[in-house]
Amino acid sequence: MENQDTKSLDPITSPVQTPPPSIPPSTSKPAVFPILFVVLILALLGATGVFAYQNWQMRQRLNAPTTYEECIKAPGSSLQESYPGTCVTKDGKSFVQPLTDEEKKNLQPPDQNPDYKRSCVERGGLWLTEYLECESMSSPNLNSEWCTDLKGEFSECQSPCRHAPKFQSGEVNCATVCVKVCQFN
């Protein structure tokens, strides 16, 4: 027989025992929102920096000097001692001082004065632009009076090789022929 102390295990009448609640396994998700927020802030800061830099560069280009007068006033520019004057910006661009027509005319060497060349050729001479000279071996019209009237220096007998470097150094001999020369300074 059965023991009375023993409780019956009747599934219908016995109390249901429930297992202790189970803790779900840890499914810790990374903090996505804070990471996205930081990335978004960094992207906005980068875009703002790029925009500011481009804006600054554009302002620099718009304010860059484009003439000699603007260059003189620009900070960081320097003036070179020359004539005509030259102004150099801090980024290396240079601008030359504009000259009036009268100033340009005064800068021209005497050989640019058409009177010397024209007069030389009219008298049968050969005009040597590089040396500011009129020379002739045979023209009787190329003489001392004509030369001094034009404020030149006349020589009755010069060597035809007088401008050759090898002749000047004595390396080469030149034919002994006289050339009349009127030289202008």
N, C-alpha and C. Protein backbone atom coordinates (compact mmCIF):
# COMPACT_ATOMS: atom_id res chain seq x y z
N MET A 1 0.79 -1.16 0.00
CA MET A 1 0.00 0.00 0.00
C MET A 1 0.84 1.23 0.00
N GLU A 2 0.15 2.06 -0.11
CA GLU A 2 0.91 3.28 -0.29
C GLU A 2 1.05 4.03 1.00
N ASN A 3 2.08 4.73 1.00
CA ASN A 3 2.34 5.54 2.17
C ASN A 3 1.50 6.78 2.07
N GLN A 4 0.95 7.11 3.16
CA GLN A 4 0.06 8.24 3.15
C GLN A 4 0.82 9.55 3.19
N ASP A 5 1.98 9.41 3.67
CA ASP A 5 2.78 10.64 3.69
C ASP A 5 3.22 11.05 2.28
N THR A 6 3.15 10.13 1.47
CA THR A 6 3.61 10.42 0.13
C THR A 6 2.48 11.09 -0.61
N LYS A 7 2.81 12.09 -1.23
CA LYS A 7 1.79 12.84 -1.96
C LYS A 7 1.67 12.22 -3.32
N SER A 8 0.57 12.25 -3.76
CA SER A 8 0.37 11.66 -5.05
C SER A 8 0.89 12.59 -6.13
N LEU A 9 1.33 11.98 -7.11
CA LEU A 9 1.91 12.75 -8.20
C LEU A 9 0.92 12.80 -9.35
N ASP A 10 -0.17 13.14 -9.00
CA ASP A 10 -1.20 13.23 -10.03
C ASP A 10 -0.98 14.52 -10.79
N PRO A 11 -0.76 14.40 -12.04
CA PRO A 11 -0.47 15.61 -12.80
C PRO A 11 -1.62 16.58 -12.81
N ILE A 12 -2.72 16.19 -12.63
CA ILE A 12 -3.84 17.10 -12.67
C ILE A 12 -3.98 17.84 -11.36
N THR A 13 -3.75 17.18 -10.30
CA THR A 13 -3.96 17.82 -9.02
C THR A 13 -2.69 18.38 -8.42
N SER A 14 -1.56 17.98 -8.91
CA SER A 14 -0.34 18.48 -8.28
C SER A 14 -0.05 19.90 -8.79
N PRO A 15 0.48 20.68 -7.93
CA PRO A 15 0.77 22.06 -8.34
C PRO A 15 1.87 22.08 -9.42
N VAL A 16 1.73 22.97 -10.29
CA VAL A 16 2.69 23.06 -11.39
C VAL A 16 3.88 23.84 -10.89
N GLN A 17 4.92 23.21 -11.03
CA GLN A 17 6.14 23.90 -10.63
C GLN A 17 6.77 24.50 -11.90
N THR A 18 7.01 25.76 -11.86
CA THR A 18 7.59 26.44 -13.02
C THR A 18 9.08 26.62 -12.79
N PRO A 19 9.81 26.41 -13.77
CA PRO A 19 11.26 26.59 -13.59
C PRO A 19 11.57 28.07 -13.34
N PRO A 20 12.66 28.35 -12.76
CA PRO A 20 12.99 29.76 -12.49
C PRO A 20 13.12 30.51 -13.82
N PRO A 21 12.80 31.74 -13.81
CA PRO A 21 12.87 32.50 -15.06
C PRO A 21 14.31 32.53 -15.58
N SER A 22 14.41 32.32 -16.84
CA SER A 22 15.77 32.31 -17.42
C SER A 22 16.11 33.70 -17.97
N ILE A 23 17.35 34.05 -17.83
CA ILE A 23 17.83 35.36 -18.32
C ILE A 23 18.26 35.14 -19.76
N PRO A 24 17.74 35.93 -20.63
CA PRO A 24 18.11 35.74 -22.03
C PRO A 24 19.62 35.96 -22.21
N PRO A 25 20.23 35.27 -23.16
CA PRO A 25 21.66 35.45 -23.36
C PRO A 25 21.96 36.91 -23.73
N SER A 26 23.10 37.35 -23.36
CA SER A 26 23.49 38.74 -23.58
C SER A 26 23.62 39.00 -25.07
N THR A 27 22.82 39.91 -25.55
CA THR A 27 22.88 40.34 -26.95
C THR A 27 23.23 41.83 -26.95
N SER A 28 24.35 42.18 -26.37
CA SER A 28 24.71 43.59 -26.26
C SER A 28 25.03 44.13 -27.65
N LYS A 29 24.27 45.11 -28.10
CA LYS A 29 24.45 45.75 -29.40
C LYS A 29 25.38 46.95 -29.20
N PRO A 30 26.24 47.20 -30.18
CA PRO A 30 27.10 48.38 -30.03
C PRO A 30 26.24 49.64 -30.04
N ALA A 31 26.75 50.66 -29.41
CA ALA A 31 26.01 51.92 -29.31
C ALA A 31 26.10 52.62 -30.68
N VAL A 32 25.22 52.29 -31.58
CA VAL A 32 25.23 52.78 -32.96
C VAL A 32 24.93 54.27 -33.01
N PHE A 33 24.00 54.71 -32.27
CA PHE A 33 23.59 56.11 -32.31
C PHE A 33 24.73 57.05 -31.93
N PRO A 34 25.44 56.83 -30.84
CA PRO A 34 26.54 57.76 -30.52
C PRO A 34 27.65 57.75 -31.58
N ILE A 35 27.95 56.59 -32.18
CA ILE A 35 28.98 56.52 -33.20
C ILE A 35 28.54 57.31 -34.43
N LEU A 36 27.31 57.13 -34.87
CA LEU A 36 26.79 57.88 -36.01
C LEU A 36 26.79 59.38 -35.74
N PHE A 37 26.48 59.75 -34.54
CA PHE A 37 26.45 61.15 -34.15
C PHE A 37 27.87 61.76 -34.25
N VAL A 38 28.86 61.05 -33.76
CA VAL A 38 30.24 61.54 -33.81
C VAL A 38 30.71 61.65 -35.27
N VAL A 39 30.40 60.64 -36.10
CA VAL A 39 30.78 60.67 -37.51
C VAL A 39 30.11 61.85 -38.21
N LEU A 40 28.86 62.07 -37.92
CA LEU A 40 28.13 63.19 -38.53
C LEU A 40 28.75 64.53 -38.12
N ILE A 41 29.11 64.69 -36.88
CA ILE A 41 29.72 65.94 -36.40
C ILE A 41 31.07 66.15 -37.09
N LEU A 42 31.88 65.08 -37.18
CA LEU A 42 33.18 65.21 -37.83
C LEU A 42 33.03 65.56 -39.32
N ALA A 43 32.05 64.98 -39.99
CA ALA A 43 31.81 65.29 -41.40
C ALA A 43 31.40 66.75 -41.56
N LEU A 44 30.54 67.22 -40.68
CA LEU A 44 30.12 68.63 -40.75
C LEU A 44 31.28 69.57 -40.49
N LEU A 45 32.12 69.25 -39.53
CA LEU A 45 33.29 70.09 -39.25
C LEU A 45 34.25 70.09 -40.44
N GLY A 46 34.47 68.94 -41.05
CA GLY A 46 35.34 68.86 -42.23
C GLY A 46 34.80 69.68 -43.40
N ALA A 47 33.51 69.54 -43.66
CA ALA A 47 32.90 70.29 -44.76
C ALA A 47 32.97 71.79 -44.50
N THR A 48 32.76 72.20 -43.26
CA THR A 48 32.85 73.62 -42.91
C THR A 48 34.27 74.13 -43.12
N GLY A 49 35.26 73.34 -42.72
CA GLY A 49 36.66 73.73 -42.90
C GLY A 49 37.02 73.86 -44.36
N VAL A 50 36.61 72.92 -45.20
CA VAL A 50 36.89 72.97 -46.63
C VAL A 50 36.22 74.21 -47.24
N PHE A 51 35.00 74.46 -46.89
CA PHE A 51 34.29 75.63 -47.41
C PHE A 51 34.99 76.92 -47.00
N ALA A 52 35.39 77.01 -45.73
CA ALA A 52 36.06 78.21 -45.26
C ALA A 52 37.39 78.42 -45.97
N TYR A 53 38.14 77.35 -46.19
CA TYR A 53 39.43 77.45 -46.88
C TYR A 53 39.24 77.91 -48.33
N GLN A 54 38.28 77.33 -49.02
CA GLN A 54 38.01 77.73 -50.41
C GLN A 54 37.56 79.19 -50.48
N ASN A 55 36.76 79.59 -49.55
CA ASN A 55 36.29 80.98 -49.49
C ASN A 55 37.48 81.92 -49.27
N TRP A 56 38.39 81.54 -48.38
CA TRP A 56 39.57 82.35 -48.11
C TRP A 56 40.45 82.46 -49.36
N GLN A 57 40.65 81.33 -50.06
CA GLN A 57 41.46 81.35 -51.28
C GLN A 57 40.83 82.26 -52.35
N MET A 58 39.52 82.20 -52.48
CA MET A 58 38.84 83.03 -53.48
C MET A 58 39.03 84.51 -53.13
N ARG A 59 38.91 84.85 -51.86
CA ARG A 59 39.11 86.24 -51.45
C ARG A 59 40.54 86.69 -51.72
N GLN A 60 41.52 85.78 -51.51
CA GLN A 60 42.91 86.11 -51.78
C GLN A 60 43.11 86.40 -53.27
N ARG A 61 42.51 85.56 -54.13
CA ARG A 61 42.65 85.76 -55.57
C ARG A 61 41.99 87.05 -56.01
N LEU A 62 40.83 87.35 -55.44
CA LEU A 62 40.12 88.58 -55.83
C LEU A 62 40.87 89.82 -55.36
N ASN A 63 41.59 89.71 -54.24
CA ASN A 63 42.32 90.86 -53.70
C ASN A 63 43.75 90.94 -54.21
N ALA A 64 44.18 89.98 -55.04
CA ALA A 64 45.55 89.98 -55.55
C ALA A 64 45.74 91.15 -56.51
N PRO A 65 46.91 91.79 -56.44
CA PRO A 65 47.17 92.93 -57.32
C PRO A 65 47.20 92.52 -58.78
N THR A 66 46.73 93.41 -59.64
CA THR A 66 46.75 93.17 -61.09
C THR A 66 47.48 94.28 -61.83
N THR A 67 47.90 95.32 -61.11
CA THR A 67 48.63 96.42 -61.74
C THR A 67 49.80 96.81 -60.84
N TYR A 68 50.70 97.60 -61.38
CA TYR A 68 51.85 98.09 -60.61
C TYR A 68 51.38 98.90 -59.40
N GLU A 69 50.38 99.76 -59.60
CA GLU A 69 49.89 100.61 -58.51
C GLU A 69 49.28 99.76 -57.38
N GLU A 70 48.53 98.72 -57.75
CA GLU A 70 47.94 97.85 -56.73
C GLU A 70 49.02 97.06 -56.01
N CYS A 71 50.05 96.67 -56.73
CA CYS A 71 51.14 95.90 -56.15
C CYS A 71 51.86 96.72 -55.08
N ILE A 72 52.07 98.00 -55.35
CA ILE A 72 52.75 98.87 -54.38
C ILE A 72 51.99 98.91 -53.06
N LYS A 73 50.66 98.91 -53.13
CA LYS A 73 49.81 99.03 -51.94
C LYS A 73 49.60 97.69 -51.23
N ALA A 74 49.86 96.58 -51.91
CA ALA A 74 49.58 95.25 -51.35
C ALA A 74 50.57 94.91 -50.24
N PRO A 75 50.07 94.37 -49.11
CA PRO A 75 50.97 93.98 -48.03
C PRO A 75 51.89 92.84 -48.49
N GLY A 76 53.15 92.94 -48.10
CA GLY A 76 54.11 91.89 -48.43
C GLY A 76 54.80 92.08 -49.77
N SER A 77 54.41 93.08 -50.55
CA SER A 77 55.05 93.33 -51.84
C SER A 77 56.35 94.08 -51.62
N SER A 78 57.27 93.92 -52.58
CA SER A 78 58.55 94.64 -52.46
C SER A 78 58.84 95.36 -53.77
N LEU A 79 59.52 96.50 -53.64
CA LEU A 79 59.90 97.30 -54.80
C LEU A 79 61.37 97.03 -55.09
N GLN A 80 61.67 96.76 -56.35
CA GLN A 80 63.05 96.54 -56.75
C GLN A 80 63.63 97.85 -57.26
N GLU A 81 64.90 98.06 -56.96
CA GLU A 81 65.56 99.28 -57.42
C GLU A 81 65.92 99.12 -58.89
N SER A 82 65.08 99.62 -59.74
CA SER A 82 65.31 99.56 -61.18
C SER A 82 64.54 100.69 -61.83
N TYR A 83 64.85 100.94 -63.08
CA TYR A 83 64.06 101.91 -63.84
C TYR A 83 63.72 101.28 -65.17
N PRO A 84 62.49 101.19 -65.50
CA PRO A 84 61.34 101.56 -64.67
C PRO A 84 61.22 100.65 -63.46
N GLY A 85 60.51 101.14 -62.46
CA GLY A 85 60.36 100.39 -61.22
C GLY A 85 59.66 99.07 -61.42
N THR A 86 60.00 98.11 -60.56
CA THR A 86 59.36 96.79 -60.60
C THR A 86 58.88 96.46 -59.20
N CYS A 87 57.63 96.02 -59.11
CA CYS A 87 57.03 95.62 -57.85
C CYS A 87 56.79 94.12 -57.91
N VAL A 88 57.19 93.41 -56.83
CA VAL A 88 57.03 91.96 -56.78
C VAL A 88 56.13 91.63 -55.58
N THR A 89 55.06 90.87 -55.85
CA THR A 89 54.14 90.48 -54.78
C THR A 89 54.76 89.36 -53.95
N LYS A 90 54.17 89.08 -52.79
CA LYS A 90 54.73 88.05 -51.91
C LYS A 90 54.65 86.66 -52.54
N ASP A 91 53.78 86.47 -53.53
CA ASP A 91 53.72 85.17 -54.21
C ASP A 91 54.53 85.15 -55.51
N GLY A 92 55.34 86.20 -55.75
CA GLY A 92 56.30 86.17 -56.86
C GLY A 92 55.86 86.81 -58.16
N LYS A 93 54.66 87.35 -58.24
CA LYS A 93 54.24 88.02 -59.48
C LYS A 93 54.88 89.40 -59.53
N SER A 94 55.33 89.81 -60.73
CA SER A 94 55.97 91.12 -60.82
C SER A 94 55.20 92.02 -61.78
N PHE A 95 55.27 93.30 -61.48
CA PHE A 95 54.60 94.32 -62.27
C PHE A 95 55.59 95.45 -62.52
N VAL A 96 55.65 95.93 -63.77
CA VAL A 96 56.59 96.98 -64.15
C VAL A 96 55.85 98.31 -64.17
N GLN A 97 56.52 99.32 -63.64
CA GLN A 97 55.94 100.66 -63.59
C GLN A 97 55.67 101.15 -65.01
N PRO A 98 54.45 101.60 -65.28
CA PRO A 98 54.16 102.13 -66.62
C PRO A 98 54.87 103.47 -66.83
N LEU A 99 55.32 103.70 -68.05
CA LEU A 99 56.01 104.94 -68.39
C LEU A 99 55.19 105.75 -69.38
N THR A 100 55.35 107.04 -69.30
CA THR A 100 54.69 107.91 -70.29
C THR A 100 55.44 107.79 -71.62
N ASP A 101 54.84 108.28 -72.68
CA ASP A 101 55.49 108.24 -73.99
C ASP A 101 56.80 109.02 -73.97
N GLU A 102 56.83 110.13 -73.26
CA GLU A 102 58.04 110.94 -73.16
C GLU A 102 59.15 110.17 -72.43
N GLU A 103 58.79 109.48 -71.34
CA GLU A 103 59.79 108.68 -70.62
C GLU A 103 60.31 107.54 -71.49
N LYS A 104 59.43 106.90 -72.24
CA LYS A 104 59.86 105.82 -73.14
C LYS A 104 60.82 106.36 -74.19
N LYS A 105 60.52 107.53 -74.73
CA LYS A 105 61.37 108.12 -75.76
C LYS A 105 62.75 108.43 -75.19
N ASN A 106 62.81 108.91 -73.95
CA ASN A 106 64.09 109.23 -73.33
C ASN A 106 64.92 107.99 -73.03
N LEU A 107 64.29 106.84 -72.91
CA LEU A 107 65.02 105.61 -72.65
C LEU A 107 65.67 105.02 -73.90
N GLN A 108 65.23 105.45 -75.06
CA GLN A 108 65.76 104.88 -76.29
C GLN A 108 67.20 105.34 -76.50
N PRO A 109 68.07 104.40 -76.87
CA PRO A 109 69.45 104.79 -77.15
C PRO A 109 69.51 105.65 -78.41
N PRO A 110 70.61 106.33 -78.60
CA PRO A 110 70.71 107.24 -79.75
C PRO A 110 70.49 106.56 -81.09
N ASP A 111 70.80 105.26 -81.21
CA ASP A 111 70.61 104.61 -82.50
C ASP A 111 69.13 104.53 -82.86
N GLN A 112 68.26 104.71 -81.90
CA GLN A 112 66.84 104.71 -82.19
C GLN A 112 66.41 106.07 -82.75
N ASN A 113 67.30 107.05 -82.62
CA ASN A 113 67.02 108.36 -83.18
C ASN A 113 67.22 108.24 -84.70
N PRO A 114 66.15 108.33 -85.47
CA PRO A 114 66.26 108.09 -86.91
C PRO A 114 67.19 109.08 -87.62
N ASP A 115 67.49 110.23 -87.00
CA ASP A 115 68.35 111.21 -87.66
C ASP A 115 69.76 110.67 -87.86
N TYR A 116 70.32 109.98 -86.88
CA TYR A 116 71.68 109.43 -87.01
C TYR A 116 71.73 108.40 -88.12
N LYS A 117 70.85 107.43 -88.05
CA LYS A 117 70.86 106.34 -89.02
C LYS A 117 70.56 106.88 -90.43
N ARG A 118 69.50 107.67 -90.53
CA ARG A 118 69.11 108.21 -91.84
C ARG A 118 70.23 109.05 -92.44
N SER A 119 70.81 109.93 -91.63
CA SER A 119 71.87 110.80 -92.11
C SER A 119 73.10 109.99 -92.53
N CYS A 120 73.42 108.94 -91.78
CA CYS A 120 74.55 108.07 -92.11
C CYS A 120 74.35 107.41 -93.47
N VAL A 121 73.19 106.84 -93.67
CA VAL A 121 72.89 106.13 -94.92
C VAL A 121 72.86 107.12 -96.09
N GLU A 122 72.27 108.31 -95.86
CA GLU A 122 72.22 109.33 -96.92
C GLU A 122 73.61 109.76 -97.36
N ARG A 123 74.58 109.71 -96.47
CA ARG A 123 75.95 110.12 -96.79
C ARG A 123 76.79 108.97 -97.33
N GLY A 124 76.16 107.82 -97.54
CA GLY A 124 76.89 106.68 -98.12
C GLY A 124 77.55 105.80 -97.08
N GLY A 125 77.19 105.97 -95.82
CA GLY A 125 77.79 105.17 -94.76
C GLY A 125 76.97 103.93 -94.42
N LEU A 126 77.55 103.10 -93.61
CA LEU A 126 76.90 101.90 -93.11
C LEU A 126 76.64 102.10 -91.62
N TRP A 127 75.38 102.01 -91.19
CA TRP A 127 75.02 102.24 -89.79
C TRP A 127 75.18 100.94 -89.00
N LEU A 128 75.95 100.98 -87.92
CA LEU A 128 76.15 99.83 -87.03
C LEU A 128 75.40 100.10 -85.73
N THR A 129 74.20 99.56 -85.65
CA THR A 129 73.32 99.84 -84.51
C THR A 129 73.95 99.43 -83.19
N GLU A 130 74.56 98.26 -83.14
CA GLU A 130 75.12 97.74 -81.89
C GLU A 130 76.19 98.66 -81.30
N TYR A 131 76.91 99.37 -82.18
CA TYR A 131 78.02 100.20 -81.71
C TYR A 131 77.74 101.70 -81.84
N LEU A 132 76.55 102.06 -82.29
CA LEU A 132 76.15 103.46 -82.49
C LEU A 132 77.17 104.18 -83.37
N GLU A 133 77.51 103.53 -84.47
CA GLU A 133 78.54 104.07 -85.37
C GLU A 133 78.05 104.11 -86.81
N CYS A 134 78.59 105.10 -87.52
CA CYS A 134 78.43 105.18 -88.97
C CYS A 134 79.83 105.02 -89.53
N GLU A 135 80.00 104.05 -90.43
CA GLU A 135 81.34 103.83 -90.99
C GLU A 135 81.28 103.83 -92.51
N SER A 136 82.43 104.14 -93.09
CA SER A 136 82.55 104.10 -94.55
C SER A 136 84.02 104.03 -94.91
N MET A 137 84.32 103.25 -95.94
CA MET A 137 85.69 103.16 -96.44
C MET A 137 85.94 104.21 -97.52
N SER A 138 84.86 104.58 -98.22
CA SER A 138 85.11 105.41 -99.41
C SER A 138 84.26 106.67 -99.54
N SER A 139 83.23 106.82 -98.74
CA SER A 139 82.34 107.96 -98.94
C SER A 139 83.02 109.27 -98.52
N PRO A 140 83.11 110.22 -99.47
CA PRO A 140 83.69 111.51 -99.12
C PRO A 140 82.73 112.35 -98.26
N ASN A 141 81.46 111.96 -98.25
CA ASN A 141 80.46 112.72 -97.48
C ASN A 141 80.51 112.41 -95.99
N LEU A 142 81.15 111.34 -95.63
CA LEU A 142 81.30 110.99 -94.20
C LEU A 142 82.59 111.66 -93.74
N ASN A 143 82.43 112.84 -93.08
CA ASN A 143 83.61 113.61 -92.70
C ASN A 143 83.48 114.16 -91.29
N SER A 144 84.51 114.78 -90.84
CA SER A 144 84.60 115.29 -89.47
C SER A 144 83.55 116.37 -89.20
N GLU A 145 83.33 117.24 -90.15
CA GLU A 145 82.37 118.34 -89.96
C GLU A 145 80.96 117.80 -89.75
N TRP A 146 80.57 116.90 -90.62
CA TRP A 146 79.24 116.28 -90.48
C TRP A 146 79.09 115.57 -89.13
N CYS A 147 80.11 114.82 -88.75
CA CYS A 147 80.07 114.05 -87.50
C CYS A 147 79.98 114.96 -86.28
N THR A 148 80.80 116.00 -86.20
CA THR A 148 80.77 116.89 -85.03
C THR A 148 79.49 117.71 -84.98
N ASP A 149 78.89 118.02 -86.15
CA ASP A 149 77.60 118.72 -86.15
C ASP A 149 76.52 117.89 -85.47
N LEU A 150 76.63 116.56 -85.59
CA LEU A 150 75.67 115.66 -84.95
C LEU A 150 76.12 115.22 -83.55
N LYS A 151 77.15 115.86 -83.03
CA LYS A 151 77.68 115.58 -81.68
C LYS A 151 78.31 114.18 -81.60
N GLY A 152 78.89 113.76 -82.72
CA GLY A 152 79.59 112.48 -82.74
C GLY A 152 81.08 112.68 -82.62
N GLU A 153 81.81 111.56 -82.47
CA GLU A 153 83.27 111.60 -82.40
C GLU A 153 83.81 110.94 -83.67
N PHE A 154 84.59 111.72 -84.47
CA PHE A 154 85.04 111.26 -85.77
C PHE A 154 86.46 110.70 -85.68
N SER A 155 86.67 109.61 -86.43
CA SER A 155 88.01 109.04 -86.57
C SER A 155 88.23 108.76 -88.05
N GLU A 156 89.34 109.26 -88.58
CA GLU A 156 89.65 109.14 -90.01
C GLU A 156 90.08 107.73 -90.39
N CYS A 157 90.72 107.01 -89.44
CA CYS A 157 91.28 105.70 -89.81
C CYS A 157 91.14 104.70 -88.67
N GLN A 158 90.11 103.90 -88.77
CA GLN A 158 89.87 102.81 -87.80
C GLN A 158 90.01 101.48 -88.53
N SER A 159 90.27 100.43 -87.79
CA SER A 159 90.38 99.09 -88.39
C SER A 159 88.99 98.55 -88.71
N PRO A 160 88.80 97.89 -89.83
CA PRO A 160 87.51 97.26 -90.12
C PRO A 160 87.22 96.09 -89.18
N CYS A 161 88.24 95.63 -88.48
CA CYS A 161 88.07 94.50 -87.54
C CYS A 161 87.99 94.96 -86.09
N ARG A 162 87.81 96.24 -85.86
CA ARG A 162 87.91 96.81 -84.51
C ARG A 162 86.95 96.20 -83.49
N HIS A 163 85.84 95.62 -83.93
CA HIS A 163 84.86 95.05 -82.99
C HIS A 163 84.99 93.54 -82.85
N ALA A 164 85.88 92.91 -83.60
CA ALA A 164 86.04 91.45 -83.52
C ALA A 164 86.86 91.10 -82.27
N PRO A 165 86.32 90.27 -81.39
CA PRO A 165 87.03 89.93 -80.14
C PRO A 165 88.42 89.31 -80.38
N LYS A 166 88.54 88.48 -81.40
CA LYS A 166 89.85 87.85 -81.66
C LYS A 166 90.87 88.87 -82.15
N PHE A 167 90.40 89.92 -82.85
CA PHE A 167 91.30 90.99 -83.29
C PHE A 167 91.75 91.81 -82.08
N GLN A 168 90.81 92.10 -81.18
CA GLN A 168 91.12 92.90 -80.00
C GLN A 168 92.10 92.19 -79.08
N SER A 169 92.04 90.87 -79.03
CA SER A 169 92.94 90.13 -78.16
C SER A 169 94.28 89.83 -78.85
N GLY A 170 94.40 90.15 -80.14
CA GLY A 170 95.64 89.94 -80.87
C GLY A 170 95.75 88.56 -81.49
N GLU A 171 94.71 87.75 -81.44
CA GLU A 171 94.75 86.39 -82.00
C GLU A 171 94.68 86.42 -83.52
N VAL A 172 94.04 87.43 -84.09
CA VAL A 172 93.85 87.49 -85.53
C VAL A 172 94.37 88.83 -86.04
N ASN A 173 95.03 88.80 -87.18
CA ASN A 173 95.48 90.03 -87.82
C ASN A 173 94.40 90.48 -88.80
N CYS A 174 94.35 91.78 -89.03
CA CYS A 174 93.35 92.34 -89.93
C CYS A 174 94.08 93.14 -91.00
N ALA A 175 93.52 93.19 -92.17
CA ALA A 175 94.13 93.96 -93.27
C ALA A 175 94.26 95.41 -92.86
N THR A 176 95.35 96.01 -93.25
CA THR A 176 95.57 97.41 -92.90
C THR A 176 94.81 98.27 -93.90
N VAL A 177 93.56 98.52 -93.55
CA VAL A 177 92.68 99.35 -94.36
C VAL A 177 92.04 100.35 -93.41
N CYS A 178 91.95 101.58 -93.83
CA CYS A 178 91.32 102.60 -92.98
C CYS A 178 89.83 102.69 -93.25
N VAL A 179 89.10 102.78 -92.16
CA VAL A 179 87.65 102.97 -92.22
C VAL A 179 87.34 104.26 -91.47
N LYS A 180 86.60 105.17 -92.13
CA LYS A 180 86.17 106.40 -91.44
C LYS A 180 85.00 106.03 -90.54
N VAL A 181 85.03 106.53 -89.30
CA VAL A 181 84.00 106.18 -88.34
C VAL A 181 83.53 107.43 -87.61
N CYS A 182 82.20 107.54 -87.50
CA CYS A 182 81.61 108.57 -86.63
C CYS A 182 80.85 107.82 -85.56
N GLN A 183 81.29 107.97 -84.31
CA GLN A 183 80.68 107.22 -83.21
C GLN A 183 79.87 108.17 -82.34
N PHE A 184 78.69 107.70 -81.94
CA PHE A 184 77.80 108.48 -81.09
C PHE A 184 77.71 107.82 -79.72
N ASN A 185 77.56 108.65 -78.71
CA ASN A 185 77.44 108.12 -77.33
C ASN A 185 76.01 108.15 -76.88
